[in-house]
Amino acid sequence: MIQYYEIIVKPFLDLKLSETEITFILCQIVWNYAGRRLQGQTQAAGERFLEEISNNLHSYYEENSGDHQFGGIESSGNGTVAEKNDKGNYASRLAKMMQIVNQMLNIQLKREDTMDIAMLFDMFNIVFTEPEFFKV
């Protein structure tokens, strides 16, 4: 669990994400995972949805670029480096968000492989102590 903190939680907290950014990350995780599993019209719909949410995130950044406040960095209005870098340039922030998405998808893929191996070798043995309890 500590490894997940370092690769997922810590970057997530460091970015101080807004609700819009969290929604973007969650949608990326869900639809990228679904894209691996689904085909045809569902996959095409997922791709359209991801394109739409990416456009919405871009609009969000454009609307908030004048606030000088991305990721909890507040500027004092005196032309600081943080203010100049954040104003209208969110590429590095987006790259960090996509790293979180990719790390989550990699973790899921590893767990899926582990589950496949566990099923292959029949490692899950469930013994009911009271079978009558589970009768419907």
N, C-alpha and C. Protein backbone atom coordinates (compact mmCIF):
# COMPACT_ATOMS: atom_id res chain seq x y z
N MET A 1 0.81 -1.20 0.00
CA MET A 1 0.00 0.00 0.00
C MET A 1 0.85 1.26 0.00
N ILE A 2 2.02 1.20 0.62
CA ILE A 2 2.90 2.37 0.65
C ILE A 2 3.36 2.72 -0.75
N GLN A 3 3.59 1.71 -1.58
CA GLN A 3 4.02 1.98 -2.95
C GLN A 3 2.95 2.77 -3.71
N TYR A 4 1.69 2.51 -3.42
CA TYR A 4 0.62 3.25 -4.08
C TYR A 4 0.58 4.70 -3.62
N TYR A 5 0.95 4.91 -2.38
CA TYR A 5 1.00 6.28 -1.89
C TYR A 5 2.01 7.10 -2.68
N GLU A 6 3.18 6.53 -2.90
CA GLU A 6 4.25 7.26 -3.59
C GLU A 6 3.93 7.53 -5.06
N ILE A 7 3.29 6.57 -5.73
CA ILE A 7 3.09 6.74 -7.17
C ILE A 7 1.72 7.30 -7.54
N ILE A 8 0.76 7.25 -6.63
CA ILE A 8 -0.58 7.75 -6.94
C ILE A 8 -0.99 8.90 -6.02
N VAL A 9 -1.03 8.64 -4.74
CA VAL A 9 -1.60 9.59 -3.79
C VAL A 9 -0.75 10.85 -3.65
N LYS A 10 0.54 10.68 -3.48
CA LYS A 10 1.41 11.85 -3.28
C LYS A 10 1.35 12.83 -4.45
N PRO A 11 1.51 12.36 -5.70
CA PRO A 11 1.38 13.31 -6.82
C PRO A 11 -0.01 13.94 -6.89
N PHE A 12 -1.02 13.15 -6.56
CA PHE A 12 -2.40 13.64 -6.56
C PHE A 12 -2.55 14.79 -5.56
N LEU A 13 -2.02 14.61 -4.36
CA LEU A 13 -2.11 15.65 -3.34
C LEU A 13 -1.23 16.85 -3.67
N ASP A 14 -0.06 16.61 -4.24
CA ASP A 14 0.85 17.70 -4.59
C ASP A 14 0.24 18.64 -5.63
N LEU A 15 -0.56 18.09 -6.53
CA LEU A 15 -1.16 18.92 -7.58
C LEU A 15 -2.29 19.80 -7.06
N LYS A 16 -2.87 19.44 -5.93
CA LYS A 16 -4.02 20.18 -5.37
C LYS A 16 -5.08 20.38 -6.46
N LEU A 17 -5.61 19.28 -6.91
CA LEU A 17 -6.53 19.27 -8.04
C LEU A 17 -7.88 19.88 -7.72
N SER A 18 -8.45 20.51 -8.72
CA SER A 18 -9.81 21.03 -8.60
C SER A 18 -10.79 19.90 -8.90
N GLU A 19 -12.07 20.14 -8.67
CA GLU A 19 -13.09 19.13 -8.96
C GLU A 19 -13.12 18.79 -10.45
N THR A 20 -12.92 19.79 -11.29
CA THR A 20 -12.91 19.57 -12.74
C THR A 20 -11.75 18.66 -13.13
N GLU A 21 -10.59 18.87 -12.54
CA GLU A 21 -9.42 18.05 -12.86
C GLU A 21 -9.59 16.63 -12.34
N ILE A 22 -10.17 16.48 -11.16
CA ILE A 22 -10.43 15.14 -10.61
C ILE A 22 -11.41 14.39 -11.51
N THR A 23 -12.43 15.08 -11.97
CA THR A 23 -13.40 14.47 -12.87
C THR A 23 -12.71 14.02 -14.16
N PHE A 24 -11.83 14.85 -14.68
CA PHE A 24 -11.09 14.50 -15.89
C PHE A 24 -10.27 13.23 -15.67
N ILE A 25 -9.56 13.16 -14.55
CA ILE A 25 -8.72 11.99 -14.25
C ILE A 25 -9.58 10.73 -14.13
N LEU A 26 -10.68 10.82 -13.40
CA LEU A 26 -11.55 9.65 -13.22
C LEU A 26 -12.14 9.18 -14.55
N CYS A 27 -12.56 10.11 -15.38
CA CYS A 27 -13.11 9.74 -16.69
C CYS A 27 -12.03 9.10 -17.57
N GLN A 28 -10.82 9.62 -17.51
CA GLN A 28 -9.73 9.02 -18.27
C GLN A 28 -9.49 7.58 -17.83
N ILE A 29 -9.48 7.35 -16.52
CA ILE A 29 -9.25 6.00 -16.00
C ILE A 29 -10.36 5.06 -16.46
N VAL A 30 -11.60 5.48 -16.27
CA VAL A 30 -12.74 4.62 -16.60
C VAL A 30 -12.78 4.31 -18.10
N TRP A 31 -12.68 5.33 -18.94
CA TRP A 31 -12.84 5.10 -20.37
C TRP A 31 -11.61 4.48 -21.01
N ASN A 32 -10.42 4.71 -20.47
CA ASN A 32 -9.25 4.01 -21.00
C ASN A 32 -9.31 2.53 -20.66
N TYR A 33 -9.78 2.21 -19.45
CA TYR A 33 -9.94 0.81 -19.08
C TYR A 33 -11.03 0.16 -19.93
N ALA A 34 -12.14 0.86 -20.08
CA ALA A 34 -13.25 0.32 -20.87
C ALA A 34 -12.84 0.15 -22.33
N GLY A 35 -11.99 1.04 -22.82
CA GLY A 35 -11.52 0.95 -24.20
C GLY A 35 -10.74 -0.32 -24.47
N ARG A 36 -10.08 -0.84 -23.44
CA ARG A 36 -9.36 -2.11 -23.60
C ARG A 36 -10.32 -3.28 -23.67
N ARG A 37 -11.46 -3.16 -23.03
CA ARG A 37 -12.40 -4.26 -22.92
C ARG A 37 -13.50 -4.24 -23.99
N LEU A 38 -13.92 -3.06 -24.36
CA LEU A 38 -15.08 -2.93 -25.23
C LEU A 38 -14.66 -2.62 -26.66
N GLN A 39 -15.54 -2.92 -27.57
CA GLN A 39 -15.24 -2.67 -28.97
C GLN A 39 -16.46 -2.07 -29.64
N GLY A 40 -16.26 -1.67 -30.87
CA GLY A 40 -17.37 -1.19 -31.69
C GLY A 40 -17.90 0.15 -31.26
N GLN A 41 -19.22 0.23 -31.21
CA GLN A 41 -19.89 1.50 -30.93
C GLN A 41 -19.58 2.02 -29.53
N THR A 42 -19.44 1.12 -28.58
CA THR A 42 -19.16 1.54 -27.21
C THR A 42 -17.78 2.18 -27.12
N GLN A 43 -16.82 1.59 -27.79
CA GLN A 43 -15.47 2.15 -27.79
C GLN A 43 -15.46 3.51 -28.50
N ALA A 44 -16.17 3.62 -29.59
CA ALA A 44 -16.25 4.89 -30.31
C ALA A 44 -16.92 5.97 -29.45
N ALA A 45 -17.96 5.58 -28.72
CA ALA A 45 -18.63 6.53 -27.83
C ALA A 45 -17.68 6.98 -26.72
N GLY A 46 -16.89 6.06 -26.20
CA GLY A 46 -15.91 6.40 -25.17
C GLY A 46 -14.87 7.37 -25.68
N GLU A 47 -14.41 7.16 -26.91
CA GLU A 47 -13.43 8.07 -27.50
C GLU A 47 -14.01 9.46 -27.70
N ARG A 48 -15.27 9.53 -28.13
CA ARG A 48 -15.92 10.84 -28.28
C ARG A 48 -16.07 11.52 -26.93
N PHE A 49 -16.42 10.73 -25.91
CA PHE A 49 -16.57 11.29 -24.57
C PHE A 49 -15.24 11.84 -24.06
N LEU A 50 -14.16 11.09 -24.26
CA LEU A 50 -12.84 11.55 -23.82
C LEU A 50 -12.42 12.82 -24.56
N GLU A 51 -12.75 12.90 -25.83
CA GLU A 51 -12.44 14.11 -26.58
C GLU A 51 -13.22 15.30 -26.03
N GLU A 52 -14.48 15.07 -25.73
CA GLU A 52 -15.33 16.14 -25.18
C GLU A 52 -14.83 16.60 -23.82
N ILE A 53 -14.47 15.66 -22.96
CA ILE A 53 -14.02 16.06 -21.63
C ILE A 53 -12.65 16.74 -21.69
N SER A 54 -11.83 16.37 -22.67
CA SER A 54 -10.55 17.05 -22.87
C SER A 54 -10.79 18.50 -23.31
N ASN A 55 -11.75 18.69 -24.19
CA ASN A 55 -12.09 20.05 -24.62
C ASN A 55 -12.64 20.86 -23.45
N ASN A 56 -13.44 20.21 -22.60
CA ASN A 56 -13.97 20.90 -21.43
C ASN A 56 -12.86 21.31 -20.47
N LEU A 57 -11.87 20.45 -20.30
CA LEU A 57 -10.74 20.79 -19.43
C LEU A 57 -9.97 21.98 -20.00
N HIS A 58 -9.77 21.98 -21.31
CA HIS A 58 -9.09 23.10 -21.96
C HIS A 58 -9.86 24.40 -21.72
N SER A 59 -11.17 24.34 -21.89
CA SER A 59 -12.00 25.53 -21.64
C SER A 59 -11.90 25.98 -20.19
N TYR A 60 -11.87 25.01 -19.29
CA TYR A 60 -11.74 25.32 -17.86
C TYR A 60 -10.44 26.08 -17.60
N TYR A 61 -9.35 25.61 -18.19
CA TYR A 61 -8.07 26.29 -18.00
C TYR A 61 -8.06 27.67 -18.63
N GLU A 62 -8.68 27.81 -19.79
CA GLU A 62 -8.74 29.13 -20.43
C GLU A 62 -9.54 30.11 -19.58
N GLU A 63 -10.65 29.65 -19.01
CA GLU A 63 -11.48 30.52 -18.18
C GLU A 63 -10.77 30.92 -16.90
N ASN A 64 -9.96 30.03 -16.35
CA ASN A 64 -9.30 30.29 -15.07
C ASN A 64 -7.87 30.78 -15.21
N SER A 65 -7.41 31.01 -16.44
CA SER A 65 -6.02 31.44 -16.61
C SER A 65 -5.80 32.84 -16.05
N GLY A 66 -6.81 33.66 -16.02
CA GLY A 66 -6.67 35.01 -15.47
C GLY A 66 -6.64 35.04 -13.96
N ASP A 67 -7.04 33.93 -13.33
CA ASP A 67 -7.07 33.88 -11.87
C ASP A 67 -5.68 33.72 -11.27
N HIS A 68 -4.72 33.28 -12.08
CA HIS A 68 -3.36 33.01 -11.61
C HIS A 68 -3.36 32.02 -10.46
N GLN A 69 -4.26 31.06 -10.51
CA GLN A 69 -4.35 30.12 -9.40
C GLN A 69 -4.64 28.73 -9.93
N PHE A 70 -3.62 28.06 -10.44
CA PHE A 70 -3.73 26.66 -10.83
C PHE A 70 -3.06 25.85 -9.75
N GLY A 71 -3.74 24.84 -9.29
CA GLY A 71 -3.13 23.91 -8.36
C GLY A 71 -2.76 24.52 -7.04
N GLY A 72 -3.49 25.51 -6.60
CA GLY A 72 -3.25 26.06 -5.29
C GLY A 72 -2.09 27.04 -5.23
N ILE A 73 -1.50 27.39 -6.38
CA ILE A 73 -0.40 28.36 -6.39
C ILE A 73 -1.02 29.74 -6.54
N GLU A 74 -0.88 30.52 -5.54
CA GLU A 74 -1.44 31.86 -5.60
C GLU A 74 -0.32 32.84 -5.88
N SER A 75 -0.59 33.75 -6.78
CA SER A 75 0.43 34.74 -7.09
C SER A 75 0.12 36.03 -6.36
N SER A 76 1.14 36.80 -6.15
CA SER A 76 0.96 38.06 -5.46
C SER A 76 0.69 39.19 -6.44
N GLY A 77 0.70 38.86 -7.75
CA GLY A 77 0.42 39.89 -8.74
C GLY A 77 1.63 40.71 -9.12
N ASN A 78 2.80 40.35 -8.64
CA ASN A 78 3.99 41.14 -8.95
C ASN A 78 4.86 40.47 -10.01
N GLY A 79 4.28 39.58 -10.83
CA GLY A 79 5.02 38.98 -11.93
C GLY A 79 5.98 37.88 -11.50
N THR A 80 5.62 37.11 -10.51
CA THR A 80 6.50 36.04 -10.05
C THR A 80 6.62 34.96 -11.10
N VAL A 81 7.62 34.09 -10.95
CA VAL A 81 7.85 33.01 -11.90
C VAL A 81 6.65 32.07 -11.94
N ALA A 82 6.08 31.75 -10.77
CA ALA A 82 4.93 30.85 -10.73
C ALA A 82 3.77 31.43 -11.52
N GLU A 83 3.58 32.74 -11.41
CA GLU A 83 2.48 33.38 -12.12
C GLU A 83 2.70 33.30 -13.63
N LYS A 84 3.90 33.57 -14.09
CA LYS A 84 4.18 33.55 -15.52
C LYS A 84 4.08 32.14 -16.09
N ASN A 85 4.51 31.14 -15.35
CA ASN A 85 4.47 29.77 -15.84
C ASN A 85 3.05 29.21 -15.87
N ASP A 86 2.22 29.60 -14.92
CA ASP A 86 0.89 29.03 -14.83
C ASP A 86 -0.10 29.69 -15.76
N LYS A 87 0.11 30.94 -16.08
CA LYS A 87 -0.87 31.68 -16.87
C LYS A 87 -0.95 31.12 -18.29
N GLY A 88 -2.02 30.39 -18.56
CA GLY A 88 -2.27 29.88 -19.89
C GLY A 88 -1.42 28.69 -20.31
N ASN A 89 -0.51 28.23 -19.49
CA ASN A 89 0.33 27.09 -19.84
C ASN A 89 0.10 25.98 -18.83
N TYR A 90 -0.70 25.04 -19.21
CA TYR A 90 -1.04 23.96 -18.28
C TYR A 90 -0.52 22.62 -18.76
N ALA A 91 0.37 22.61 -19.72
CA ALA A 91 0.87 21.35 -20.30
C ALA A 91 1.56 20.49 -19.25
N SER A 92 2.39 21.08 -18.41
CA SER A 92 3.10 20.27 -17.41
C SER A 92 2.11 19.71 -16.38
N ARG A 93 1.11 20.49 -16.05
CA ARG A 93 0.09 20.03 -15.10
C ARG A 93 -0.70 18.86 -15.70
N LEU A 94 -1.06 18.99 -16.96
CA LEU A 94 -1.79 17.93 -17.66
C LEU A 94 -0.94 16.67 -17.77
N ALA A 95 0.35 16.84 -18.02
CA ALA A 95 1.26 15.69 -18.10
C ALA A 95 1.31 14.95 -16.76
N LYS A 96 1.35 15.68 -15.66
CA LYS A 96 1.36 15.05 -14.33
C LYS A 96 0.04 14.33 -14.07
N MET A 97 -1.05 14.92 -14.51
CA MET A 97 -2.35 14.27 -14.33
C MET A 97 -2.42 12.98 -15.13
N MET A 98 -1.89 13.00 -16.35
CA MET A 98 -1.90 11.79 -17.18
C MET A 98 -0.96 10.73 -16.63
N GLN A 99 0.11 11.14 -15.94
CA GLN A 99 0.98 10.16 -15.28
C GLN A 99 0.20 9.42 -14.20
N ILE A 100 -0.63 10.13 -13.47
CA ILE A 100 -1.47 9.50 -12.45
C ILE A 100 -2.41 8.49 -13.11
N VAL A 101 -3.03 8.89 -14.22
CA VAL A 101 -3.94 7.99 -14.94
C VAL A 101 -3.19 6.74 -15.40
N ASN A 102 -2.03 6.92 -16.00
CA ASN A 102 -1.26 5.78 -16.50
C ASN A 102 -0.80 4.87 -15.37
N GLN A 103 -0.41 5.44 -14.24
CA GLN A 103 -0.01 4.62 -13.09
C GLN A 103 -1.19 3.79 -12.58
N MET A 104 -2.36 4.40 -12.51
CA MET A 104 -3.55 3.66 -12.08
C MET A 104 -3.87 2.52 -13.04
N LEU A 105 -3.78 2.78 -14.33
CA LEU A 105 -4.07 1.74 -15.31
C LEU A 105 -3.02 0.62 -15.25
N ASN A 106 -1.76 0.97 -15.00
CA ASN A 106 -0.72 -0.05 -14.86
C ASN A 106 -0.96 -0.92 -13.63
N ILE A 107 -1.35 -0.31 -12.53
CA ILE A 107 -1.65 -1.06 -11.31
C ILE A 107 -2.81 -2.02 -11.57
N GLN A 108 -3.83 -1.52 -12.24
CA GLN A 108 -4.99 -2.36 -12.54
C GLN A 108 -4.60 -3.53 -13.42
N LEU A 109 -3.75 -3.29 -14.40
CA LEU A 109 -3.31 -4.35 -15.30
C LEU A 109 -2.50 -5.41 -14.55
N LYS A 110 -1.64 -4.98 -13.65
CA LYS A 110 -0.86 -5.93 -12.85
C LYS A 110 -1.76 -6.77 -11.96
N ARG A 111 -2.75 -6.13 -11.34
CA ARG A 111 -3.68 -6.87 -10.49
C ARG A 111 -4.51 -7.85 -11.31
N GLU A 112 -4.87 -7.44 -12.50
CA GLU A 112 -5.63 -8.32 -13.38
C GLU A 112 -4.81 -9.56 -13.74
N ASP A 113 -3.53 -9.36 -14.04
CA ASP A 113 -2.64 -10.49 -14.34
C ASP A 113 -2.51 -11.42 -13.13
N THR A 114 -2.39 -10.83 -11.95
CA THR A 114 -2.29 -11.63 -10.73
C THR A 114 -3.56 -12.46 -10.52
N MET A 115 -4.70 -11.85 -10.77
CA MET A 115 -5.97 -12.57 -10.62
C MET A 115 -6.08 -13.70 -11.64
N ASP A 116 -5.62 -13.47 -12.86
CA ASP A 116 -5.65 -14.52 -13.88
C ASP A 116 -4.81 -15.72 -13.44
N ILE A 117 -3.64 -15.45 -12.90
CA ILE A 117 -2.76 -16.53 -12.43
C ILE A 117 -3.41 -17.26 -11.25
N ALA A 118 -4.00 -16.50 -10.34
CA ALA A 118 -4.66 -17.11 -9.19
C ALA A 118 -5.82 -18.00 -9.64
N MET A 119 -6.56 -17.57 -10.62
CA MET A 119 -7.67 -18.39 -11.13
C MET A 119 -7.14 -19.62 -11.86
N LEU A 120 -6.06 -19.45 -12.60
CA LEU A 120 -5.47 -20.56 -13.35
C LEU A 120 -5.05 -21.69 -12.42
N PHE A 121 -4.45 -21.34 -11.31
CA PHE A 121 -3.97 -22.36 -10.37
C PHE A 121 -4.98 -22.64 -9.25
N ASP A 122 -6.20 -22.17 -9.43
CA ASP A 122 -7.28 -22.43 -8.48
C ASP A 122 -6.85 -22.11 -7.05
N MET A 123 -6.37 -20.89 -6.87
CA MET A 123 -5.86 -20.48 -5.56
C MET A 123 -6.96 -19.98 -4.63
N PHE A 124 -8.15 -19.84 -5.15
CA PHE A 124 -9.25 -19.37 -4.31
C PHE A 124 -10.09 -20.56 -3.90
N ASN A 125 -9.97 -20.94 -2.67
CA ASN A 125 -10.78 -22.01 -2.11
C ASN A 125 -11.64 -21.43 -1.01
N ILE A 126 -12.91 -21.48 -1.23
CA ILE A 126 -13.84 -20.93 -0.26
C ILE A 126 -14.60 -22.09 0.37
N VAL A 127 -14.53 -22.16 1.66
CA VAL A 127 -15.24 -23.20 2.39
C VAL A 127 -16.28 -22.52 3.27
N PHE A 128 -17.52 -22.90 3.05
CA PHE A 128 -18.60 -22.33 3.85
C PHE A 128 -18.76 -23.16 5.11
N THR A 129 -18.68 -22.52 6.24
CA THR A 129 -18.84 -23.25 7.49
C THR A 129 -20.30 -23.57 7.77
N GLU A 130 -21.17 -22.72 7.30
CA GLU A 130 -22.60 -22.94 7.48
C GLU A 130 -23.29 -22.82 6.13
N PRO A 131 -23.31 -23.89 5.32
CA PRO A 131 -23.92 -23.80 3.99
C PRO A 131 -25.39 -23.41 4.03
N GLU A 132 -26.08 -23.75 5.09
CA GLU A 132 -27.50 -23.41 5.21
C GLU A 132 -27.71 -21.90 5.26
N PHE A 133 -26.72 -21.18 5.73
CA PHE A 133 -26.82 -19.73 5.85
C PHE A 133 -26.95 -19.08 4.48
N PHE A 134 -26.37 -19.70 3.44
CA PHE A 134 -26.34 -19.10 2.12
C PHE A 134 -27.45 -19.59 1.20
N LYS A 135 -28.31 -20.44 1.68
CA LYS A 135 -29.43 -20.90 0.86
C LYS A 135 -30.48 -19.80 0.78
N VAL A 136 -31.08 -19.72 -0.38
CA VAL A 136 -32.11 -18.70 -0.60
C VAL A 136 -33.48 -19.31 -0.49
